[in-house]
Amino acid sequence: QIQELQLNRLKDILSLAKSNSSWHSSRLKDVDVSSFEISDLSKLPSMTKLDLMNNWDDIVTDHNLKLKMTDHAFDKREEHLVFLDKYHFWASGGSTGTRGLFVWSTDDYAHFAAGTLRQRVADMKSDEKSKDPLIKAVVVARDRIHMSNYLWGLKFIKNMQIHELSVSRSIKEIVASLNKIQPDHIECFSSVMVGLAHEQKAGRLNINPL
């Protein structure tokens, strides 16, 4: 059943791309969606972040969306940006030299968030007698438009306290905050996690997340 669901969802994506994106329609012209199988994935041409940024208007499947609509986005670092009343905008950090700009529908974002948070919700429900909120600490990028910051700025779960710590802070400051917060869960960049592991081993970080 899972494999069937995966295949059907994959075919839906391919059909949407071929029908609504001129860029994808051209590059996928030889792909027969009706007979496509999971094993054919490796045959699909890859798309890089540079491809996306150089062909943004031709790649998106809603022709009302234009890259120029996001020109002001980087000036609004503390806001959640919504376009056409249903699209959420976020960006990558640009560490590779090219900053990617991405737009998801509200439904897309809800599905992503649900997948990201499902283990946290399961942990909360595993102890039904506990009325205490789940305490989560997240180390995020400074700007709201970065994915790490954007997701946690949206409040999805009522009984969850989210403490946002900027990745631009020193490891000493982050450790001090975590010791004070005592989170049940922590989520951060892998580079920060390595530093926190060293701090825990050295005895300066004293937390016991699930």
Protein backbone atom coordinates (compact mmCIF):
# COMPACT_ATOMS: atom_id res chain seq x y z
CA GLN A 1 0.00 0.00 0.00
CA ILE A 2 2.84 2.39 0.82
CA GLN A 3 4.57 1.66 -2.48
CA GLU A 4 1.31 2.16 -4.36
CA LEU A 5 0.75 5.48 -2.60
CA GLN A 6 4.31 6.57 -3.38
CA LEU A 7 3.92 5.72 -7.04
CA ASN A 8 0.54 7.46 -7.36
CA ARG A 9 1.87 10.61 -5.66
CA LEU A 10 4.95 10.56 -7.89
CA LYS A 11 2.79 10.29 -11.00
CA ASP A 12 0.67 13.19 -9.77
CA ILE A 13 3.80 15.34 -9.42
CA LEU A 14 5.10 14.39 -12.86
CA SER A 15 1.73 15.07 -14.46
CA LEU A 16 1.46 18.45 -12.77
CA ALA A 17 4.97 19.40 -13.82
CA LYS A 18 4.45 18.38 -17.43
CA SER A 19 1.05 20.08 -17.68
CA ASN A 20 1.69 23.33 -15.82
CA SER A 21 5.40 24.10 -16.14
CA SER A 22 6.84 24.97 -19.53
CA TRP A 23 10.38 24.23 -18.32
CA HIS A 24 9.51 20.81 -16.96
CA SER A 25 7.28 20.04 -19.92
CA SER A 26 10.27 20.39 -22.25
CA ARG A 27 12.72 18.35 -20.18
CA LEU A 28 10.17 15.61 -19.40
CA LYS A 29 8.72 15.34 -22.90
CA ASP A 30 9.97 11.75 -23.30
CA VAL A 31 8.64 10.61 -19.92
CA ASP A 32 5.51 8.44 -20.11
CA VAL A 33 3.78 9.13 -16.80
CA SER A 34 1.22 6.35 -17.21
CA SER A 35 3.89 3.63 -17.31
CA PHE A 36 6.34 5.29 -14.93
CA GLU A 37 7.67 3.20 -12.03
CA ILE A 38 9.64 4.05 -8.88
CA SER A 39 12.61 2.25 -10.41
CA ASP A 40 12.62 4.84 -13.24
CA LEU A 41 13.46 7.71 -10.88
CA SER A 42 17.16 7.58 -11.71
CA LYS A 43 16.30 8.23 -15.35
CA LEU A 44 14.76 11.61 -14.63
CA PRO A 45 16.99 14.61 -15.36
CA SER A 46 18.17 16.38 -12.22
CA MET A 47 17.39 20.02 -11.44
CA THR A 48 19.91 22.18 -9.62
CA LYS A 49 19.30 25.26 -7.53
CA LEU A 50 20.96 27.27 -10.30
CA ASP A 51 18.47 25.81 -12.79
CA LEU A 52 15.65 26.94 -10.53
CA MET A 53 16.89 30.49 -10.11
CA ASN A 54 17.67 30.92 -13.82
CA ASN A 55 14.27 29.59 -14.94
CA TRP A 56 12.05 30.38 -11.96
CA ASP A 57 9.06 31.83 -13.79
CA ASP A 58 8.99 28.91 -16.26
CA ILE A 59 9.38 26.28 -13.54
CA VAL A 60 6.57 27.25 -11.15
CA THR A 61 3.24 25.59 -11.91
CA ASP A 62 1.09 28.63 -11.08
CA HIS A 63 1.61 31.23 -13.80
CA ASN A 64 0.43 34.00 -11.49
CA LEU A 65 3.65 33.61 -9.50
CA LYS A 66 6.62 35.65 -10.68
CA LEU A 67 10.11 35.85 -9.23
CA LYS A 68 9.93 39.64 -9.15
CA MET A 69 7.16 39.32 -6.56
CA THR A 70 9.81 38.26 -4.03
CA ASP A 71 12.15 41.23 -4.62
CA HIS A 72 11.21 42.83 -1.30
CA ALA A 73 11.41 39.60 0.70
CA PHE A 74 14.90 40.07 2.10
CA ASP A 75 13.91 43.46 3.53
CA LYS A 76 11.21 41.82 5.69
CA ARG A 77 13.30 39.55 7.88
CA GLU A 78 10.78 39.30 10.71
CA GLU A 79 7.67 38.54 8.69
CA HIS A 80 6.04 35.44 7.25
CA LEU A 81 5.52 36.29 3.60
CA VAL A 82 2.32 35.08 1.94
CA PHE A 83 1.67 35.63 -1.76
CA LEU A 84 -1.69 35.53 -3.52
CA ASP A 85 -3.27 34.62 -0.15
CA LYS A 86 -2.05 31.02 -0.31
CA TYR A 87 1.67 30.76 -1.03
CA HIS A 88 4.42 30.85 1.58
CA PHE A 89 7.85 32.09 0.64
CA TRP A 90 11.18 31.01 2.11
CA ALA A 91 14.81 30.94 1.08
CA SER A 92 17.98 28.93 1.54
CA GLY A 93 21.01 30.46 3.21
CA GLY A 94 23.09 30.96 0.07
CA SER A 95 26.20 29.24 1.44
CA THR A 96 26.86 27.69 -2.01
CA GLY A 97 26.96 31.12 -3.64
CA THR A 98 23.38 30.98 -4.93
CA ARG A 99 20.43 31.64 -2.66
CA GLY A 100 17.39 29.60 -3.58
CA LEU A 101 13.92 31.17 -3.41
CA PHE A 102 11.04 28.75 -2.86
CA VAL A 103 7.26 29.09 -2.77
CA TRP A 104 4.92 26.48 -1.31
CA SER A 105 1.15 26.47 -1.10
CA THR A 106 -0.47 26.41 2.33
CA ASP A 107 -1.42 22.75 1.81
CA ASP A 108 2.14 21.86 0.80
CA TYR A 109 3.47 23.58 3.87
CA ALA A 110 0.96 21.84 6.15
CA HIS A 111 2.01 18.42 4.80
CA PHE A 112 5.68 19.22 5.30
CA ALA A 113 5.11 20.53 8.81
CA ALA A 114 3.02 17.49 9.75
CA GLY A 115 5.80 15.18 8.61
CA THR A 116 8.41 17.17 10.51
CA LEU A 117 6.42 17.29 13.72
CA ARG A 118 4.81 13.84 13.79
CA GLN A 119 7.40 12.32 16.14
CA ARG A 120 7.07 15.27 18.52
CA VAL A 121 3.30 14.88 18.62
CA ALA A 122 3.64 11.14 19.20
CA ASP A 123 5.96 11.83 22.14
CA MET A 124 3.40 14.18 23.63
CA LYS A 125 0.58 11.64 23.31
CA SER A 126 2.66 8.78 24.70
CA ASP A 127 2.23 10.20 28.21
CA GLU A 128 -1.43 11.16 28.34
CA LYS A 129 -1.29 11.78 32.09
CA SER A 130 1.18 14.62 31.68
CA LYS A 131 -0.40 18.04 31.33
CA ASP A 132 2.91 19.85 30.99
CA PRO A 133 3.64 21.37 27.58
CA LEU A 134 6.40 19.88 25.46
CA ILE A 135 9.39 22.23 25.55
CA LYS A 136 11.30 22.47 22.29
CA ALA A 137 14.46 24.46 21.58
CA VAL A 138 15.43 25.22 17.99
CA VAL A 139 18.62 26.86 16.79
CA VAL A 140 17.61 28.79 13.69
CA ALA A 141 18.93 31.24 11.12
CA ARG A 142 18.58 34.93 11.91
CA ASP A 143 16.18 35.76 9.09
CA ARG A 144 12.54 34.64 9.21
CA ILE A 145 12.63 33.78 5.50
CA HIS A 146 15.16 30.99 6.07
CA MET A 147 13.47 27.60 6.27
CA SER A 148 14.87 26.78 9.70
CA ASN A 149 13.35 29.97 11.12
CA TYR A 150 10.15 30.08 9.07
CA LEU A 151 8.84 26.67 10.13
CA TRP A 152 9.14 27.23 13.86
CA GLY A 153 7.77 30.74 13.63
CA LEU A 154 4.44 29.17 12.70
CA LYS A 155 2.67 27.75 15.75
CA PHE A 156 1.31 24.31 14.85
CA ILE A 157 0.82 22.66 18.23
CA LYS A 158 -1.02 24.26 21.14
CA ASN A 159 0.71 22.32 23.91
CA MET A 160 4.27 22.97 22.74
CA GLN A 161 6.56 25.76 23.92
CA ILE A 162 9.08 26.68 21.23
CA HIS A 163 12.23 28.60 22.16
CA GLU A 164 14.09 30.01 19.16
CA LEU A 165 17.84 30.57 19.51
CA SER A 166 19.76 32.34 16.74
CA VAL A 167 22.61 30.40 15.17
CA SER A 168 24.56 33.67 15.09
CA ARG A 169 24.94 33.50 18.88
CA SER A 170 28.11 32.06 20.36
CA ILE A 171 28.11 28.44 21.48
CA LYS A 172 28.58 29.68 25.04
CA GLU A 173 25.40 31.76 24.82
CA ILE A 174 23.44 28.90 23.26
CA VAL A 175 24.59 26.52 25.99
CA ALA A 176 23.57 28.98 28.71
CA SER A 177 20.10 29.33 27.17
CA LEU A 178 19.64 25.58 26.80
CA ASN A 179 20.65 24.99 30.42
CA LYS A 180 18.00 27.48 31.46
CA ILE A 181 15.28 26.22 29.11
CA GLN A 182 15.84 22.49 29.77
CA PRO A 183 14.14 21.41 26.52
CA ASP A 184 12.44 18.07 25.95
CA HIS A 185 13.49 18.30 22.30
CA ILE A 186 16.23 20.18 20.50
CA GLU A 187 16.63 20.76 16.79
CA CYS A 188 19.51 22.58 15.13
CA PHE A 189 22.05 22.64 12.32
CA SER A 190 24.42 19.65 12.33
CA SER A 191 27.41 21.96 12.77
CA VAL A 192 25.85 23.36 15.95
CA MET A 193 24.94 19.89 17.20
CA VAL A 194 28.61 18.87 17.06
CA GLY A 195 29.52 21.86 19.19
CA LEU A 196 26.76 21.07 21.67
CA ALA A 197 27.93 17.48 21.92
CA HIS A 198 31.40 18.70 22.87
CA GLU A 199 29.87 21.03 25.46
CA GLN A 200 27.80 18.19 26.92
CA LYS A 201 30.86 15.95 27.11
CA ALA A 202 32.82 18.70 28.82
CA GLY A 203 30.08 19.07 31.43
CA ARG A 204 29.07 22.60 30.50
CA LEU A 205 25.77 21.60 28.83
CA ASN A 206 23.37 19.86 31.19
CA ILE A 207 20.21 18.87 29.35
CA ASN A 208 18.47 15.55 28.76
CA PRO A 209 16.22 15.87 25.69
CA LEU A 210 14.20 12.89 24.45
